[in-house]
Amino acid sequence: KPECPPVKQKLRRTHPDMAVKIKEEVQKQIDVGFLVTSEYPQWVANIVFVPKKDGKVCLCVDYRDLNKASPKDDFPLPHIDTLVENTAKFKVFSFMDGFS
């Protein structure tokens, strides 16, 4: 939406132990090319970390402000039952997940 000004979310505090894990995970994703550095971004969204059972962290991004500013799509996502039904007729189904 053109009337929405860019939002730079304020940096959230994290526990020092988690900050180390987050830094390691971000560096890992930079090293393989999933993330790139941006010097002067117009939009800044915070990282939200979700602790995993194995002690690592799963990184997510808080895009709520960006989503509010994005135009609504006239083409909604299909219902999950339709997706499952359409995939069930195939012998092979695959998906890509970076580091799960």
PDB file of N, CA and C in Angstrom:
ATOM      1  N   LYS A   1       0.852  -1.178   0.000  1.00  0.00           N
ATOM      2  CA  LYS A   1       0.000   0.000   0.000  1.00  0.00           C
ATOM      3  C   LYS A   1       0.893   1.234   0.000  1.00  0.00           C
ATOM      4  N   PRO A   2       0.745   2.085  -0.982  1.00  0.00           N
ATOM      5  CA  PRO A   2       1.619   3.260  -1.087  1.00  0.00           C
ATOM      6  C   PRO A   2       1.502   4.228   0.082  1.00  0.00           C
ATOM      7  N   GLU A   3       0.348   4.251   0.756  1.00  0.00           N
ATOM      8  CA  GLU A   3       0.169   5.198   1.867  1.00  0.00           C
ATOM      9  C   GLU A   3       0.852   4.755   3.152  1.00  0.00           C
ATOM     10  N   CYS A   4       1.389   3.555   3.188  1.00  0.00           N
ATOM     11  CA  CYS A   4       2.042   3.035   4.397  1.00  0.00           C
ATOM     12  C   CYS A   4       3.537   3.360   4.387  1.00  0.00           C
ATOM     13  N   PRO A   5       4.003   4.116   5.365  1.00  0.00           N
ATOM     14  CA  PRO A   5       5.439   4.406   5.430  1.00  0.00           C
ATOM     15  C   PRO A   5       6.207   3.175   5.917  1.00  0.00           C
ATOM     16  N   PRO A   6       7.471   3.035   5.518  1.00  0.00           N
ATOM     17  CA  PRO A   6       8.282   1.910   6.004  1.00  0.00           C
ATOM     18  C   PRO A   6       8.389   1.918   7.530  1.00  0.00           C
ATOM     19  N   VAL A   7       8.427   0.737   8.114  1.00  0.00           N
ATOM     20  CA  VAL A   7       8.518   0.584   9.565  1.00  0.00           C
ATOM     21  C   VAL A   7       9.836  -0.082   9.912  1.00  0.00           C
ATOM     22  N   LYS A   8      10.536   0.511  10.858  1.00  0.00           N
ATOM     23  CA  LYS A   8      11.764  -0.100  11.379  1.00  0.00           C
ATOM     24  C   LYS A   8      11.478  -0.485  12.823  1.00  0.00           C
ATOM     25  N   GLN A   9      11.245  -1.777  13.049  1.00  0.00           N
ATOM     26  CA  GLN A   9      10.942  -2.237  14.401  1.00  0.00           C
ATOM     27  C   GLN A   9      12.142  -2.005  15.313  1.00  0.00           C
ATOM     28  N   LYS A  10      11.853  -1.641  16.555  1.00  0.00           N
ATOM     29  CA  LYS A  10      12.929  -1.466  17.532  1.00  0.00           C
ATOM     30  C   LYS A  10      13.508  -2.826  17.884  1.00  0.00           C
ATOM     31  N   LEU A  11      14.800  -2.856  18.089  1.00  0.00           N
ATOM     32  CA  LEU A  11      15.484  -4.093  18.434  1.00  0.00           C
ATOM     33  C   LEU A  11      14.975  -4.625  19.764  1.00  0.00           C
ATOM     34  N   ARG A  12      14.644  -5.898  19.789  1.00  0.00           N
ATOM     35  CA  ARG A  12      14.176  -6.526  21.025  1.00  0.00           C
ATOM     36  C   ARG A  12      15.359  -7.100  21.783  1.00  0.00           C
ATOM     37  N   ARG A  13      15.278  -7.046  23.086  1.00  0.00           N
ATOM     38  CA  ARG A  13      16.343  -7.617  23.918  1.00  0.00           C
ATOM     39  C   ARG A  13      16.219  -9.136  23.924  1.00  0.00           C
ATOM     40  N   THR A  14      17.373  -9.791  23.948  1.00  0.00           N
ATOM     41  CA  THR A  14      17.394 -11.246  24.073  1.00  0.00           C
ATOM     42  C   THR A  14      18.377 -11.626  25.166  1.00  0.00           C
ATOM     43  N   HIS A  15      18.164 -12.772  25.740  1.00  0.00           N
ATOM     44  CA  HIS A  15      19.065 -13.285  26.765  1.00  0.00           C
ATOM     45  C   HIS A  15      20.423 -13.541  26.112  1.00  0.00           C
ATOM     46  N   PRO A  16      21.532 -13.217  26.789  1.00  0.00           N
ATOM     47  CA  PRO A  16      22.865 -13.408  26.196  1.00  0.00           C
ATOM     48  C   PRO A  16      23.120 -14.823  25.674  1.00  0.00           C
ATOM     49  N   ASP A  17      22.620 -15.842  26.376  1.00  0.00           N
ATOM     50  CA  ASP A  17      22.796 -17.217  25.892  1.00  0.00           C
ATOM     51  C   ASP A  17      22.087 -17.429  24.560  1.00  0.00           C
ATOM     52  N   MET A  18      20.878 -16.881  24.442  1.00  0.00           N
ATOM     53  CA  MET A  18      20.123 -17.011  23.196  1.00  0.00           C
ATOM     54  C   MET A  18      20.757 -16.175  22.092  1.00  0.00           C
ATOM     55  N   ALA A  19      21.327 -15.032  22.441  1.00  0.00           N
ATOM     56  CA  ALA A  19      21.966 -14.173  21.444  1.00  0.00           C
ATOM     57  C   ALA A  19      23.098 -14.912  20.743  1.00  0.00           C
ATOM     58  N   VAL A  20      23.843 -15.717  21.482  1.00  0.00           N
ATOM     59  CA  VAL A  20      24.935 -16.500  20.892  1.00  0.00           C
ATOM     60  C   VAL A  20      24.372 -17.522  19.913  1.00  0.00           C
ATOM     61  N   LYS A  21      23.305 -18.221  20.302  1.00  0.00           N
ATOM     62  CA  LYS A  21      22.692 -19.226  19.432  1.00  0.00           C
ATOM     63  C   LYS A  21      22.104 -18.581  18.179  1.00  0.00           C
ATOM     64  N   ILE A  22      21.478 -17.416  18.355  1.00  0.00           N
ATOM     65  CA  ILE A  22      20.903 -16.703  17.215  1.00  0.00           C
ATOM     66  C   ILE A  22      22.005 -16.278  16.255  1.00  0.00           C
ATOM     67  N   LYS A  23      23.093 -15.738  16.794  1.00  0.00           N
ATOM     68  CA  LYS A  23      24.208 -15.300  15.953  1.00  0.00           C
ATOM     69  C   LYS A  23      24.775 -16.474  15.155  1.00  0.00           C
ATOM     70  N   GLU A  24      24.915 -17.635  15.799  1.00  0.00           N
ATOM     71  CA  GLU A  24      25.424 -18.822  15.103  1.00  0.00           C
ATOM     72  C   GLU A  24      24.488 -19.239  13.972  1.00  0.00           C
ATOM     73  N   GLU A  25      23.190 -19.232  14.247  1.00  0.00           N
ATOM     74  CA  GLU A  25      22.213 -19.646  13.231  1.00  0.00           C
ATOM     75  C   GLU A  25      22.168 -18.655  12.074  1.00  0.00           C
ATOM     76  N   VAL A  26      22.215 -17.364  12.367  1.00  0.00           N
ATOM     77  CA  VAL A  26      22.222 -16.347  11.309  1.00  0.00           C
ATOM     78  C   VAL A  26      23.479 -16.494  10.459  1.00  0.00           C
ATOM     79  N   GLN A  27      24.628 -16.687  11.084  1.00  0.00           N
ATOM     80  CA  GLN A  27      25.877 -16.850  10.336  1.00  0.00           C
ATOM     81  C   GLN A  27      25.819 -18.091   9.448  1.00  0.00           C
ATOM     82  N   LYS A  28      25.252 -19.161   9.958  1.00  0.00           N
ATOM     83  CA  LYS A  28      25.102 -20.398   9.183  1.00  0.00           C
ATOM     84  C   LYS A  28      24.263 -20.131   7.928  1.00  0.00           C
ATOM     85  N   GLN A  29      23.179 -19.363   8.080  1.00  0.00           N
ATOM     86  CA  GLN A  29      22.316 -19.071   6.939  1.00  0.00           C
ATOM     87  C   GLN A  29      22.964 -18.083   5.970  1.00  0.00           C
ATOM     88  N   ILE A  30      23.798 -17.191   6.468  1.00  0.00           N
ATOM     89  CA  ILE A  30      24.559 -16.291   5.587  1.00  0.00           C
ATOM     90  C   ILE A  30      25.577 -17.095   4.792  1.00  0.00           C
ATOM     91  N   ASP A  31      26.257 -18.025   5.466  1.00  0.00           N
ATOM     92  CA  ASP A  31      27.298 -18.830   4.817  1.00  0.00           C
ATOM     93  C   ASP A  31      26.768 -19.650   3.642  1.00  0.00           C
ATOM     94  N   VAL A  32      25.539 -20.157   3.750  1.00  0.00           N
ATOM     95  CA  VAL A  32      24.987 -20.972   2.661  1.00  0.00           C
ATOM     96  C   VAL A  32      24.173 -20.143   1.663  1.00  0.00           C
ATOM     97  N   GLY A  33      24.050 -18.837   1.900  1.00  0.00           N
ATOM     98  CA  GLY A  33      23.385 -17.963   0.940  1.00  0.00           C
ATOM     99  C   GLY A  33      21.888 -17.789   1.135  1.00  0.00           C
ATOM    100  N   PHE A  34      21.322 -18.280   2.250  1.00  0.00           N
ATOM    101  CA  PHE A  34      19.899 -18.060   2.516  1.00  0.00           C
ATOM    102  C   PHE A  34      19.639 -16.616   2.915  1.00  0.00           C
ATOM    103  N   LEU A  35      20.587 -15.999   3.609  1.00  0.00           N
ATOM    104  CA  LEU A  35      20.473 -14.611   4.049  1.00  0.00           C
ATOM    105  C   LEU A  35      21.592 -13.789   3.429  1.00  0.00           C
ATOM    106  N   VAL A  36      21.312 -12.528   3.164  1.00  0.00           N
ATOM    107  CA  VAL A  36      22.331 -11.595   2.688  1.00  0.00           C
ATOM    108  C   VAL A  36      22.249 -10.329   3.534  1.00  0.00           C
ATOM    109  N   THR A  37      23.352  -9.623   3.622  1.00  0.00           N
ATOM    110  CA  THR A  37      23.412  -8.393   4.403  1.00  0.00           C
ATOM    111  C   THR A  37      22.835  -7.233   3.596  1.00  0.00           C
ATOM    112  N   SER A  38      22.048  -6.400   4.254  1.00  0.00           N
ATOM    113  CA  SER A  38      21.500  -5.202   3.644  1.00  0.00           C
ATOM    114  C   SER A  38      22.008  -4.007   4.445  1.00  0.00           C
ATOM    115  N   GLU A  39      22.686  -3.092   3.782  1.00  0.00           N
ATOM    116  CA  GLU A  39      23.301  -1.959   4.471  1.00  0.00           C
ATOM    117  C   GLU A  39      22.290  -0.921   4.953  1.00  0.00           C
ATOM    118  N   TYR A  40      21.319  -0.582   4.113  1.00  0.00           N
ATOM    119  CA  TYR A  40      20.369   0.474   4.465  1.00  0.00           C
ATOM    120  C   TYR A  40      18.938   0.034   4.139  1.00  0.00           C
ATOM    121  N   PRO A  41      18.384  -0.886   4.927  1.00  0.00           N
ATOM    122  CA  PRO A  41      17.027  -1.365   4.627  1.00  0.00           C
ATOM    123  C   PRO A  41      15.968  -0.317   4.975  1.00  0.00           C
ATOM    124  N   GLN A  42      14.906  -0.278   4.174  1.00  0.00           N
ATOM    125  CA  GLN A  42      13.798   0.627   4.482  1.00  0.00           C
ATOM    126  C   GLN A  42      12.881   0.016   5.536  1.00  0.00           C
ATOM    127  N   TRP A  43      12.741  -1.296   5.499  1.00  0.00           N
ATOM    128  CA  TRP A  43      11.921  -2.017   6.477  1.00  0.00           C
ATOM    129  C   TRP A  43      12.847  -2.841   7.346  1.00  0.00           C
ATOM    130  N   VAL A  44      12.610  -2.829   8.653  1.00  0.00           N
ATOM    131  CA  VAL A  44      13.395  -3.657   9.572  1.00  0.00           C
ATOM    132  C   VAL A  44      12.415  -4.481  10.402  1.00  0.00           C
ATOM    133  N   ALA A  45      12.583  -5.800  10.345  1.00  0.00           N
ATOM    134  CA  ALA A  45      11.719  -6.707  11.104  1.00  0.00           C
ATOM    135  C   ALA A  45      12.586  -7.514  12.069  1.00  0.00           C
ATOM    136  N   ASN A  46      12.079  -7.716  13.260  1.00  0.00           N
ATOM    137  CA  ASN A  46      12.822  -8.445  14.282  1.00  0.00           C
ATOM    138  C   ASN A  46      12.848  -9.942  14.033  1.00  0.00           C
ATOM    139  N   ILE A  47      13.912 -10.559  14.506  1.00  0.00           N
ATOM    140  CA  ILE A  47      14.008 -12.011  14.523  1.00  0.00           C
ATOM    141  C   ILE A  47      13.270 -12.495  15.761  1.00  0.00           C
ATOM    142  N   VAL A  48      12.486 -13.533  15.577  1.00  0.00           N
ATOM    143  CA  VAL A  48      11.800 -14.181  16.683  1.00  0.00           C
ATOM    144  C   VAL A  48      12.370 -15.586  16.752  1.00  0.00           C
ATOM    145  N   PHE A  49      12.913 -15.957  17.892  1.00  0.00           N
ATOM    146  CA  PHE A  49      13.512 -17.284  17.986  1.00  0.00           C
ATOM    147  C   PHE A  49      12.596 -18.232  18.734  1.00  0.00           C
ATOM    148  N   VAL A  50      12.602 -19.468  18.269  1.00  0.00           N
ATOM    149  CA  VAL A  50      11.820 -20.520  18.913  1.00  0.00           C
ATOM    150  C   VAL A  50      12.806 -21.596  19.348  1.00  0.00           C
ATOM    151  N   PRO A  51      12.939 -21.836  20.649  1.00  0.00           N
ATOM    152  CA  PRO A  51      13.874 -22.863  21.106  1.00  0.00           C
ATOM    153  C   PRO A  51      13.416 -24.258  20.680  1.00  0.00           C
ATOM    154  N   LYS A  52      14.379 -25.069  20.207  1.00  0.00           N
ATOM    155  CA  LYS A  52      14.090 -26.455  19.834  1.00  0.00           C
ATOM    156  C   LYS A  52      14.460 -27.371  20.989  1.00  0.00           C
ATOM    157  N   LYS A  53      13.968 -28.599  20.934  1.00  0.00           N
ATOM    158  CA  LYS A  53      14.247 -29.568  21.995  1.00  0.00           C
ATOM    159  C   LYS A  53      15.730 -29.912  22.083  1.00  0.00           C
ATOM    160  N   ASP A  54      16.436 -29.842  20.949  1.00  0.00           N
ATOM    161  CA  ASP A  54      17.858 -30.208  20.945  1.00  0.00           C
ATOM    162  C   ASP A  54      18.769 -29.075  21.405  1.00  0.00           C
ATOM    163  N   GLY A  55      18.189 -27.947  21.842  1.00  0.00           N
ATOM    164  CA  GLY A  55      18.983 -26.831  22.343  1.00  0.00           C
ATOM    165  C   GLY A  55      19.272 -25.767  21.303  1.00  0.00           C
ATOM    166  N   LYS A  56      19.032 -26.056  20.033  1.00  0.00           N
ATOM    167  CA  LYS A  56      19.235 -25.072  18.969  1.00  0.00           C
ATOM    168  C   LYS A  56      18.025 -24.143  18.914  1.00  0.00           C
ATOM    169  N   VAL A  57      18.075 -23.180  18.007  1.00  0.00           N
ATOM    170  CA  VAL A  57      16.948 -22.266  17.850  1.00  0.00           C
ATOM    171  C   VAL A  57      16.456 -22.283  16.410  1.00  0.00           C
ATOM    172  N   CYS A  58      15.162 -22.093  16.258  1.00  0.00           N
ATOM    173  CA  CYS A  58      14.555 -21.939  14.941  1.00  0.00           C
ATOM    174  C   CYS A  58      14.270 -20.443  14.789  1.00  0.00           C
ATOM    175  N   LEU A  59      14.800 -19.841  13.732  1.00  0.00           N
ATOM    176  CA  LEU A  59      14.619 -18.406  13.538  1.00  0.00           C
ATOM    177  C   LEU A  59      13.402 -18.122  12.679  1.00  0.00           C
ATOM    178  N   CYS A  60      12.594 -17.198  13.129  1.00  0.00           N
ATOM    179  CA  CYS A  60      11.445 -16.714  12.377  1.00  0.00           C
ATOM    180  C   CYS A  60      11.580 -15.192  12.316  1.00  0.00           C
ATOM    181  N   VAL A  61      10.803 -14.564  11.463  1.00  0.00           N
ATOM    182  CA  VAL A  61      10.861 -13.111  11.335  1.00  0.00           C
ATOM    183  C   VAL A  61       9.465 -12.544  11.582  1.00  0.00           C
ATOM    184  N   ASP A  62       9.388 -11.458  12.334  1.00  0.00           N
ATOM    185  CA  ASP A  62       8.123 -10.803  12.659  1.00  0.00           C
ATOM    186  C   ASP A  62       7.759  -9.830  11.534  1.00  0.00           C
ATOM    187  N   TYR A  63       6.995 -10.322  10.571  1.00  0.00           N
ATOM    188  CA  TYR A  63       6.611  -9.510   9.414  1.00  0.00           C
ATOM    189  C   TYR A  63       5.223  -8.886   9.570  1.00  0.00           C
ATOM    190  N   ARG A  64       4.716  -8.758  10.795  1.00  0.00           N
ATOM    191  CA  ARG A  64       3.360  -8.230  10.977  1.00  0.00           C
ATOM    192  C   ARG A  64       3.202  -6.826  10.393  1.00  0.00           C
ATOM    193  N   ASP A  65       4.176  -5.951  10.609  1.00  0.00           N
ATOM    194  CA  ASP A  65       4.071  -4.582  10.070  1.00  0.00           C
ATOM    195  C   ASP A  65       4.082  -4.589   8.545  1.00  0.00           C
ATOM    196  N   LEU A  66       4.949  -5.403   7.957  1.00  0.00           N
ATOM    197  CA  LEU A  66       5.019  -5.502   6.500  1.00  0.00           C
ATOM    198  C   LEU A  66       3.724  -6.097   5.938  1.00  0.00           C
ATOM    199  N   ASN A  67       3.180  -7.098   6.616  1.00  0.00           N
ATOM    200  CA  ASN A  67       1.921  -7.700   6.161  1.00  0.00           C
ATOM    201  C   ASN A  67       0.775  -6.694   6.181  1.00  0.00           C
ATOM    202  N   LYS A  68       0.742  -5.821   7.199  1.00  0.00           N
ATOM    203  CA  LYS A  68      -0.303  -4.796   7.268  1.00  0.00           C
ATOM    204  C   LYS A  68      -0.214  -3.843   6.075  1.00  0.00           C
ATOM    205  N   ALA A  69       1.003  -3.575   5.624  1.00  0.00           N
ATOM    206  CA  ALA A  69       1.209  -2.621   4.539  1.00  0.00           C
ATOM    207  C   ALA A  69       1.065  -3.255   3.157  1.00  0.00           C
ATOM    208  N   SER A  70       1.055  -4.573   3.099  1.00  0.00           N
ATOM    209  CA  SER A  70       0.969  -5.271   1.811  1.00  0.00           C
ATOM    210  C   SER A  70      -0.469  -5.275   1.306  1.00  0.00           C
ATOM    211  N   PRO A  71      -0.636  -5.100  -0.008  1.00  0.00           N
ATOM    212  CA  PRO A  71      -2.000  -5.159  -0.544  1.00  0.00           C
ATOM    213  C   PRO A  71      -2.565  -6.571  -0.390  1.00  0.00           C
ATOM    214  N   LYS A  72      -3.864  -6.656  -0.177  1.00  0.00           N
ATOM    215  CA  LYS A  72      -4.507  -7.958  -0.032  1.00  0.00           C
ATOM    216  C   LYS A  72      -4.639  -8.611  -1.404  1.00  0.00           C
ATOM    217  N   ASP A  73      -4.370  -9.897  -1.454  1.00  0.00           N
ATOM    218  CA  ASP A  73      -4.397 -10.657  -2.696  1.00  0.00           C
ATOM    219  C   ASP A  73      -5.820 -11.121  -2.995  1.00  0.00           C
ATOM    220  N   ASP A  74      -6.222 -10.992  -4.248  1.00  0.00           N
ATOM    221  CA  ASP A  74      -7.546 -11.454  -4.655  1.00  0.00           C
ATOM    222  C   ASP A  74      -7.587 -12.961  -4.883  1.00  0.00           C
ATOM    223  N   PHE A  75      -6.442 -13.616  -4.736  1.00  0.00           N
ATOM    224  CA  PHE A  75      -6.360 -15.050  -4.973  1.00  0.00           C
ATOM    225  C   PHE A  75      -5.990 -15.747  -3.671  1.00  0.00           C
ATOM    226  N   PRO A  76      -6.973 -16.143  -2.878  1.00  0.00           N
ATOM    227  CA  PRO A  76      -6.672 -16.777  -1.589  1.00  0.00           C
ATOM    228  C   PRO A  76      -6.014 -18.141  -1.772  1.00  0.00           C
ATOM    229  N   LEU A  77      -5.299 -18.581  -0.744  1.00  0.00           N
ATOM    230  CA  LEU A  77      -4.687 -19.903  -0.774  1.00  0.00           C
ATOM    231  C   LEU A  77      -5.777 -20.967  -0.756  1.00  0.00           C
ATOM    232  N   PRO A  78      -5.525 -22.099  -1.415  1.00  0.00           N
ATOM    233  CA  PRO A  78      -6.530 -23.168  -1.380  1.00  0.00           C
ATOM    234  C   PRO A  78      -6.644 -23.767   0.019  1.00  0.00           C
ATOM    235  N   HIS A  79      -7.758 -24.390   0.291  1.00  0.00           N
ATOM    236  CA  HIS A  79      -7.965 -25.046   1.579  1.00  0.00           C
ATOM    237  C   HIS A  79      -7.020 -26.232   1.707  1.00  0.00           C
ATOM    238  N   ILE A  80      -6.596 -26.533   2.927  1.00  0.00           N
ATOM    239  CA  ILE A  80      -5.641 -27.605   3.169  1.00  0.00           C
ATOM    240  C   ILE A  80      -6.181 -28.951   2.694  1.00  0.00           C
ATOM    241  N   ASP A  81      -7.482 -29.191   2.838  1.00  0.00           N
ATOM    242  CA  ASP A  81      -8.033 -30.476   2.391  1.00  0.00           C
ATOM    243  C   ASP A  81      -7.929 -30.633   0.876  1.00  0.00           C
ATOM    244  N   THR A  82      -8.051 -29.530   0.146  1.00  0.00           N
ATOM    245  CA  THR A  82      -7.879 -29.573  -1.304  1.00  0.00           C
ATOM    246  C   THR A  82      -6.429 -29.881  -1.660  1.00  0.00           C
ATOM    247  N   LEU A  83      -5.494 -29.268  -0.954  1.00  0.00           N
ATOM    248  CA  LEU A  83      -4.075 -29.534  -1.207  1.00  0.00           C
ATOM    249  C   LEU A  83      -3.729 -30.998  -0.943  1.00  0.00           C
ATOM    250  N   VAL A  84      -4.200 -31.529   0.169  1.00  0.00           N
ATOM    251  CA  VAL A  84      -3.922 -32.926   0.516  1.00  0.00           C
ATOM    252  C   VAL A  84      -4.546 -33.856  -0.518  1.00  0.00           C
ATOM    253  N   GLU A  85      -5.765 -33.576  -0.894  1.00  0.00           N
ATOM    254  CA  GLU A  85      -6.461 -34.406  -1.879  1.00  0.00           C
ATOM    255  C   GLU A  85      -5.721 -34.408  -3.216  1.00  0.00           C
ATOM    256  N   ASN A  86      -5.254 -33.242  -3.643  1.00  0.00           N
ATOM    257  CA  ASN A  86      -4.549 -33.145  -4.925  1.00  0.00           C
ATOM    258  C   ASN A  86      -3.179 -33.808  -4.891  1.00  0.00           C
ATOM    259  N   THR A  87      -2.545 -33.855  -3.734  1.00  0.00           N
ATOM    260  CA  THR A  87      -1.211 -34.474  -3.630  1.00  0.00           C
ATOM    261  C   THR A  87      -1.313 -35.980  -3.447  1.00  0.00           C
ATOM    262  N   ALA A  88      -2.410 -36.459  -2.903  1.00  0.00           N
ATOM    263  CA  ALA A  88      -2.548 -37.885  -2.587  1.00  0.00           C
ATOM    264  C   ALA A  88      -2.513 -38.772  -3.825  1.00  0.00           C
ATOM    265  N   LYS A  89      -2.850 -38.238  -4.986  1.00  0.00           N
ATOM    266  CA  LYS A  89      -2.892 -39.077  -6.186  1.00  0.00           C
ATOM    267  C   LYS A  89      -1.507 -39.303  -6.810  1.00  0.00           C
ATOM    268  N   PHE A  90      -0.485 -38.637  -6.302  1.00  0.00           N
ATOM    269  CA  PHE A  90       0.863 -38.796  -6.845  1.00  0.00           C
ATOM    270  C   PHE A  90       1.683 -39.775  -6.014  1.00  0.00           C
ATOM    271  N   LYS A  91       2.667 -40.414  -6.656  1.00  0.00           N
ATOM    272  CA  LYS A  91       3.529 -41.377  -5.961  1.00  0.00           C
ATOM    273  C   LYS A  91       4.653 -40.682  -5.208  1.00  0.00           C
ATOM    274  N   VAL A  92       5.094 -39.541  -5.706  1.00  0.00           N
ATOM    275  CA  VAL A  92       6.221 -38.833  -5.097  1.00  0.00           C
ATOM    276  C   VAL A  92       5.782 -37.425  -4.719  1.00  0.00           C
ATOM    277  N   PHE A  93       6.130 -37.039  -3.512  1.00  0.00           N
ATOM    278  CA  PHE A  93       5.854 -35.684  -3.027  1.00  0.00           C
ATOM    279  C   PHE A  93       7.105 -35.204  -2.319  1.00  0.00           C
ATOM    280  N   SER A  94       7.576 -34.017  -2.632  1.00  0.00           N
ATOM    281  CA  SER A  94       8.785 -33.513  -1.976  1.00  0.00           C
ATOM    282  C   SER A  94       8.609 -32.041  -1.632  1.00  0.00           C
ATOM    283  N   PHE A  95       9.430 -31.604  -0.682  1.00  0.00           N
ATOM    284  CA  PHE A  95       9.456 -30.199  -0.313  1.00  0.00           C
ATOM    285  C   PHE A  95      10.858 -29.878   0.159  1.00  0.00           C
ATOM    286  N   MET A  96      11.179 -28.587   0.207  1.00  0.00           N
ATOM    287  CA  MET A  96      12.510 -28.175   0.631  1.00  0.00           C
ATOM    288  C   MET A  96      12.397 -27.367   1.912  1.00  0.00           C
ATOM    289  N   ASP A  97      13.215 -27.721   2.868  1.00  0.00           N
ATOM    290  CA  ASP A  97      13.284 -26.988   4.124  1.00  0.00           C
ATOM    291  C   ASP A  97      14.760 -26.804   4.414  1.00  0.00           C
ATOM    292  N   GLY A  98      15.179 -25.574   4.600  1.00  0.00           N
ATOM    293  CA  GLY A  98      16.600 -25.270   4.740  1.00  0.00           C
ATOM    294  C   GLY A  98      17.366 -26.078   5.762  1.00  0.00           C
ATOM    295  N   PHE A  99      16.989 -26.025   7.020  1.00  0.00           N
ATOM    296  CA  PHE A  99      17.800 -26.650   8.071  1.00  0.00           C
ATOM    297  C   PHE A  99      16.976 -27.345   9.142  1.00  0.00           C
ATOM    298  N   SER A 100      15.900 -27.981   8.831  1.00  0.00           N
ATOM    299  CA  SER A 100      15.093 -28.612   9.893  1.00  0.00           C
ATOM    300  C   SER A 100      15.706 -29.880  10.405  1.00  0.00           C
TER     301      SER A 100
END
